[in-house]
Structures are given as structure tokens and as C-alpha cells.
PDB file of all heavy atoms in Angstrom:
ATOM      1  N   VAL A   1       0.809  -1.230   0.000  1.00  0.00           N
ATOM      2  CA  VAL A   1       0.000   0.000   0.000  1.00  0.00           C
ATOM      3  C   VAL A   1       0.838   1.274   0.000  1.00  0.00           C
ATOM      4  O   VAL A   1       0.297   2.357  -0.221  1.00  0.00           O
ATOM      5  CB  VAL A   1      -0.956   0.023   1.211  1.00  0.00           C
ATOM      6  CG1 VAL A   1      -1.896  -1.173   1.185  1.00  0.00           C
ATOM      7  CG2 VAL A   1      -0.183   0.049   2.525  1.00  0.00           C
ATOM      8  N   GLY A   2       2.141   1.184   0.250  1.00  0.00           N
ATOM      9  CA  GLY A   2       2.969   2.368   0.384  1.00  0.00           C
ATOM     10  C   GLY A   2       3.644   2.791  -0.902  1.00  0.00           C
ATOM     11  O   GLY A   2       3.705   2.026  -1.871  1.00  0.00           O
ATOM     12  N   VAL A   3       4.169   4.008  -0.898  1.00  0.00           N
ATOM     13  CA  VAL A   3       4.832   4.553  -2.089  1.00  0.00           C
ATOM     14  C   VAL A   3       6.339   4.391  -2.032  1.00  0.00           C
ATOM     15  O   VAL A   3       7.032   4.773  -2.971  1.00  0.00           O
ATOM     16  CB  VAL A   3       4.484   6.049  -2.273  1.00  0.00           C
ATOM     17  CG1 VAL A   3       3.001   6.216  -2.565  1.00  0.00           C
ATOM     18  CG2 VAL A   3       4.903   6.866  -1.044  1.00  0.00           C
ATOM     19  N   ALA A   4       6.891   3.839  -0.948  1.00  0.00           N
ATOM     20  CA  ALA A   4       8.352   3.746  -0.822  1.00  0.00           C
ATOM     21  C   ALA A   4       8.793   2.411  -0.249  1.00  0.00           C
ATOM     22  O   ALA A   4       9.487   2.357   0.772  1.00  0.00           O
ATOM     23  CB  ALA A   4       8.883   4.892   0.039  1.00  0.00           C
ATOM     24  N   PRO A   5       8.447   1.298  -0.891  1.00  0.00           N
ATOM     25  CA  PRO A   5       8.906   0.002  -0.382  1.00  0.00           C
ATOM     26  C   PRO A   5      10.429  -0.133  -0.433  1.00  0.00           C
ATOM     27  O   PRO A   5      11.001  -0.934   0.313  1.00  0.00           O
ATOM     28  CB  PRO A   5       8.218  -1.005  -1.314  1.00  0.00           C
ATOM     29  CG  PRO A   5       7.933  -0.241  -2.569  1.00  0.00           C
ATOM     30  CD  PRO A   5       7.618   1.149  -2.113  1.00  0.00           C
ATOM     31  N   GLY A   6      11.085   0.655  -1.301  1.00  0.00           N
ATOM     32  CA  GLY A   6      12.546   0.595  -1.396  1.00  0.00           C
ATOM     33  C   GLY A   6      13.253   1.129  -0.173  1.00  0.00           C
ATOM     34  O   GLY A   6      14.468   0.955  -0.029  1.00  0.00           O
ATOM     35  N   ALA A   7      12.525   1.788   0.726  1.00  0.00           N
ATOM     36  CA  ALA A   7      13.129   2.311   1.948  1.00  0.00           C
ATOM     37  C   ALA A   7      13.116   1.306   3.089  1.00  0.00           C
ATOM     38  O   ALA A   7      13.678   1.560   4.160  1.00  0.00           O
ATOM     39  CB  ALA A   7      12.402   3.583   2.383  1.00  0.00           C
ATOM     40  N   ALA A   8      12.495   0.157   2.881  1.00  0.00           N
ATOM     41  CA  ALA A   8      12.420  -0.838   3.948  1.00  0.00           C
ATOM     42  C   ALA A   8      13.802  -1.386   4.279  1.00  0.00           C
ATOM     43  O   ALA A   8      14.697  -1.437   3.432  1.00  0.00           O
ATOM     44  CB  ALA A   8      11.498  -1.978   3.523  1.00  0.00           C
ATOM     45  N   VAL A   9      13.977  -1.810   5.532  1.00  0.00           N
ATOM     46  CA  VAL A   9      15.200  -2.455   5.994  1.00  0.00           C
ATOM     47  C   VAL A   9      14.818  -3.857   6.454  1.00  0.00           C
ATOM     48  O   VAL A   9      14.075  -3.997   7.436  1.00  0.00           O
ATOM     49  CB  VAL A   9      15.856  -1.679   7.149  1.00  0.00           C
ATOM     50  CG1 VAL A   9      17.123  -2.391   7.619  1.00  0.00           C
ATOM     51  CG2 VAL A   9      16.170  -0.243   6.730  1.00  0.00           C
ATOM     52  N   PRO A  10      15.275  -4.888   5.763  1.00  0.00           N
ATOM     53  CA  PRO A  10      14.857  -6.258   6.093  1.00  0.00           C
ATOM     54  C   PRO A  10      15.052  -6.576   7.581  1.00  0.00           C
ATOM     55  O   PRO A  10      16.116  -6.339   8.151  1.00  0.00           O
ATOM     56  CB  PRO A  10      15.766  -7.123   5.216  1.00  0.00           C
ATOM     57  CG  PRO A  10      16.072  -6.244   4.040  1.00  0.00           C
ATOM     58  CD  PRO A  10      16.186  -4.857   4.605  1.00  0.00           C
ATOM     59  N   GLY A  11      13.996  -7.093   8.185  1.00  0.00           N
ATOM     60  CA  GLY A  11      14.069  -7.507   9.581  1.00  0.00           C
ATOM     61  C   GLY A  11      13.687  -6.432  10.576  1.00  0.00           C
ATOM     62  O   GLY A  11      13.548  -6.722  11.768  1.00  0.00           O
ATOM     63  N   TYR A  12      13.492  -5.200  10.118  1.00  0.00           N
ATOM     64  CA  TYR A  12      13.211  -4.095  11.033  1.00  0.00           C
ATOM     65  C   TYR A  12      11.919  -3.377  10.651  1.00  0.00           C
ATOM     66  O   TYR A  12      11.566  -3.291   9.463  1.00  0.00           O
ATOM     67  CB  TYR A  12      14.355  -3.070  11.017  1.00  0.00           C
ATOM     68  CG  TYR A  12      15.643  -3.582  11.608  1.00  0.00           C
ATOM     69  CD1 TYR A  12      16.553  -4.275  10.826  1.00  0.00           C
ATOM     70  CD2 TYR A  12      15.946  -3.374  12.957  1.00  0.00           C
ATOM     71  CE1 TYR A  12      17.744  -4.748  11.357  1.00  0.00           C
ATOM     72  CE2 TYR A  12      17.125  -3.842  13.502  1.00  0.00           C
ATOM     73  CZ  TYR A  12      18.023  -4.534  12.710  1.00  0.00           C
ATOM     74  OH  TYR A  12      19.199  -5.001  13.235  1.00  0.00           O
ATOM     75  N   ARG A  13      11.254  -2.841  11.647  1.00  0.00           N
ATOM     76  CA  ARG A  13      10.119  -1.973  11.413  1.00  0.00           C
ATOM     77  C   ARG A  13      10.633  -0.569  11.097  1.00  0.00           C
ATOM     78  O   ARG A  13      11.447  -0.009  11.850  1.00  0.00           O
ATOM     79  CB  ARG A  13       9.201  -1.948  12.628  1.00  0.00           C
ATOM     80  CG  ARG A  13       8.488  -3.258  12.878  1.00  0.00           C
ATOM     81  CD  ARG A  13       7.634  -3.227  14.138  1.00  0.00           C
ATOM     82  NE  ARG A  13       6.568  -2.214  14.057  1.00  0.00           N
ATOM     83  CZ  ARG A  13       5.643  -2.052  15.004  1.00  0.00           C
ATOM     84  NH1 ARG A  13       5.663  -2.825  16.089  1.00  0.00           N
ATOM     85  NH2 ARG A  13       4.707  -1.138  14.875  1.00  0.00           N
ATOM     86  N   VAL A  14      10.168  -0.003   9.992  1.00  0.00           N
ATOM     87  CA  VAL A  14      10.635   1.308   9.535  1.00  0.00           C
ATOM     88  C   VAL A  14       9.439   2.232   9.375  1.00  0.00           C
ATOM     89  O   VAL A  14       8.425   1.857   8.777  1.00  0.00           O
ATOM     90  CB  VAL A  14      11.387   1.206   8.197  1.00  0.00           C
ATOM     91  CG1 VAL A  14      11.702   2.597   7.639  1.00  0.00           C
ATOM     92  CG2 VAL A  14      12.668   0.405   8.366  1.00  0.00           C
ATOM     93  N   ALA A  15       9.566   3.444   9.900  1.00  0.00           N
ATOM     94  CA  ALA A  15       8.571   4.497   9.695  1.00  0.00           C
ATOM     95  C   ALA A  15       9.213   5.566   8.828  1.00  0.00           C
ATOM     96  O   ALA A  15      10.347   5.986   9.097  1.00  0.00           O
ATOM     97  CB  ALA A  15       8.128   5.092  11.030  1.00  0.00           C
ATOM     98  N   GLY A  16       8.507   6.018   7.788  1.00  0.00           N
ATOM     99  CA  GLY A  16       9.133   6.988   6.900  1.00  0.00           C
ATOM    100  C   GLY A  16       8.136   7.824   6.144  1.00  0.00           C
ATOM    101  O   GLY A  16       6.925   7.613   6.223  1.00  0.00           O
ATOM    102  N   LYS A  17       8.668   8.785   5.401  1.00  0.00           N
ATOM    103  CA  LYS A  17       7.819   9.629   4.548  1.00  0.00           C
ATOM    104  C   LYS A  17       8.634  10.164   3.393  1.00  0.00           C
ATOM    105  O   LYS A  17       9.760  10.630   3.567  1.00  0.00           O
ATOM    106  CB  LYS A  17       7.222  10.800   5.340  1.00  0.00           C
ATOM    107  CG  LYS A  17       6.258  11.635   4.515  1.00  0.00           C
ATOM    108  CD  LYS A  17       5.001  10.839   4.183  1.00  0.00           C
ATOM    109  CE  LYS A  17       4.121  11.527   3.132  1.00  0.00           C
ATOM    110  NZ  LYS A  17       4.665  11.365   1.769  1.00  0.00           N
ATOM    111  N   THR A  18       8.041  10.085   2.191  1.00  0.00           N
ATOM    112  CA  THR A  18       8.678  10.627   0.996  1.00  0.00           C
ATOM    113  C   THR A  18       8.425  12.125   0.882  1.00  0.00           C
ATOM    114  O   THR A  18       7.512  12.680   1.498  1.00  0.00           O
ATOM    115  CB  THR A  18       8.107   9.954  -0.257  1.00  0.00           C
ATOM    116  OG1 THR A  18       6.687  10.171  -0.285  1.00  0.00           O
ATOM    117  CG2 THR A  18       8.383   8.467  -0.250  1.00  0.00           C
ATOM    118  N   GLY A  19       9.226  12.757   0.044  1.00  0.00           N
ATOM    119  CA  GLY A  19       9.028  14.166  -0.253  1.00  0.00           C
ATOM    120  C   GLY A  19       9.433  14.482  -1.679  1.00  0.00           C
ATOM    121  O   GLY A  19      10.512  14.077  -2.113  1.00  0.00           O
ATOM    122  N   THR A  20       8.557  15.184  -2.411  1.00  0.00           N
ATOM    123  CA  THR A  20       8.883  15.684  -3.743  1.00  0.00           C
ATOM    124  C   THR A  20       8.288  17.080  -3.842  1.00  0.00           C
ATOM    125  O   THR A  20       7.064  17.246  -3.688  1.00  0.00           O
ATOM    126  CB  THR A  20       8.299  14.794  -4.858  1.00  0.00           C
ATOM    127  OG1 THR A  20       8.798  13.461  -4.708  1.00  0.00           O
ATOM    128  CG2 THR A  20       8.700  15.328  -6.229  1.00  0.00           C
ATOM    129  N   ALA A  21       9.146  18.071  -4.054  1.00  0.00           N
ATOM    130  CA  ALA A  21       8.675  19.458  -4.052  1.00  0.00           C
ATOM    131  C   ALA A  21       9.247  20.220  -5.239  1.00  0.00           C
ATOM    132  O   ALA A  21      10.382  19.986  -5.658  1.00  0.00           O
ATOM    133  CB  ALA A  21       9.091  20.155  -2.749  1.00  0.00           C
ATOM    134  N   GLN A  22       8.441  21.127  -5.780  1.00  0.00           N
ATOM    135  CA  GLN A  22       8.931  22.020  -6.816  1.00  0.00           C
ATOM    136  C   GLN A  22       9.956  22.982  -6.207  1.00  0.00           C
ATOM    137  O   GLN A  22       9.821  23.401  -5.054  1.00  0.00           O
ATOM    138  CB  GLN A  22       7.779  22.814  -7.427  1.00  0.00           C
ATOM    139  CG  GLN A  22       6.725  21.963  -8.119  1.00  0.00           C
ATOM    140  CD  GLN A  22       5.637  22.812  -8.725  1.00  0.00           C
ATOM    141  OE1 GLN A  22       5.822  23.433  -9.763  1.00  0.00           O
ATOM    142  NE2 GLN A  22       4.489  22.845  -8.048  1.00  0.00           N
ATOM    143  N   ARG A  23      10.965  23.306  -7.020  1.00  0.00           N
ATOM    144  CA  ARG A  23      11.995  24.239  -6.560  1.00  0.00           C
ATOM    145  C   ARG A  23      11.744  25.619  -7.162  1.00  0.00           C
ATOM    146  O   ARG A  23      11.468  25.761  -8.361  1.00  0.00           O
ATOM    147  CB  ARG A  23      13.386  23.768  -6.969  1.00  0.00           C
ATOM    148  CG  ARG A  23      13.787  22.454  -6.337  1.00  0.00           C
ATOM    149  CD  ARG A  23      15.290  22.311  -6.243  1.00  0.00           C
ATOM    150  NE  ARG A  23      15.985  22.660  -7.459  1.00  0.00           N
ATOM    151  CZ  ARG A  23      17.311  22.799  -7.532  1.00  0.00           C
ATOM    152  NH1 ARG A  23      18.048  22.632  -6.444  1.00  0.00           N
ATOM    153  NH2 ARG A  23      17.888  23.087  -8.680  1.00  0.00           N
ATOM    154  N   ALA A  24      11.870  26.627  -6.329  1.00  0.00           N
ATOM    155  CA  ALA A  24      11.711  28.006  -6.785  1.00  0.00           C
ATOM    156  C   ALA A  24      13.043  28.539  -7.288  1.00  0.00           C
ATOM    157  O   ALA A  24      14.094  28.288  -6.697  1.00  0.00           O
ATOM    158  CB  ALA A  24      11.192  28.879  -5.650  1.00  0.00           C
ATOM    159  N   SER A  25      12.990  29.280  -8.388  1.00  0.00           N
ATOM    160  CA  SER A  25      14.188  29.886  -8.960  1.00  0.00           C
ATOM    161  C   SER A  25      14.295  31.331  -8.498  1.00  0.00           C
ATOM    162  O   SER A  25      13.317  32.088  -8.537  1.00  0.00           O
ATOM    163  CB  SER A  25      14.126  29.837 -10.492  1.00  0.00           C
ATOM    164  OG  SER A  25      15.143  30.632 -11.063  1.00  0.00           O
ATOM    165  N   SER A  26      15.498  31.710  -8.067  1.00  0.00           N
ATOM    166  CA  SER A  26      15.716  33.095  -7.647  1.00  0.00           C
ATOM    167  C   SER A  26      15.739  34.049  -8.830  1.00  0.00           C
ATOM    168  O   SER A  26      15.547  35.250  -8.679  1.00  0.00           O
ATOM    169  CB  SER A  26      17.044  33.202  -6.884  1.00  0.00           C
ATOM    170  OG  SER A  26      18.120  32.768  -7.693  1.00  0.00           O
ATOM    171  N   GLU A  27      15.938  33.506 -10.019  1.00  0.00           N
ATOM    172  CA  GLU A  27      16.017  34.351 -11.209  1.00  0.00           C
ATOM    173  C   GLU A  27      14.631  34.790 -11.684  1.00  0.00           C
ATOM    174  O   GLU A  27      14.385  35.962 -11.941  1.00  0.00           O
ATOM    175  CB  GLU A  27      16.751  33.618 -12.323  1.00  0.00           C
ATOM    176  CG  GLU A  27      18.216  33.310 -11.987  1.00  0.00           C
ATOM    177  CD  GLU A  27      18.917  32.574 -13.104  1.00  0.00           C
ATOM    178  OE1 GLU A  27      18.252  32.296 -14.147  1.00  0.00           O
ATOM    179  OE2 GLU A  27      20.114  32.260 -12.958  1.00  0.00           O
ATOM    180  N   CYS A  28      13.738  33.812 -11.787  1.00  0.00           N
ATOM    181  CA  CYS A  28      12.403  34.164 -12.285  1.00  0.00           C
ATOM    182  C   CYS A  28      11.382  34.377 -11.170  1.00  0.00           C
ATOM    183  O   CYS A  28      10.236  34.770 -11.443  1.00  0.00           O
ATOM    184  CB  CYS A  28      11.903  33.080 -13.232  1.00  0.00           C
ATOM    185  SG  CYS A  28      11.543  31.499 -12.404  1.00  0.00           S
TER     186      CYS A  28
END
């Protein structure tokens, strides 16, 4: 059900959160 199965660590319980953000340009 999650969006980041690649962040799992075998044998351990992992809590996490992804982030994707637009970057602001200082020029425009």
C-alpha cells in the first residue's frame, strides 16, 4: 500500500515519509 517500499530495511520496522517538491528559482 505504500509509495516507498525501497526504503524498507529487512528484519526491522521502519517508519518513513517521501518528499517531492517544486523548486523556486531566484532568477524568475
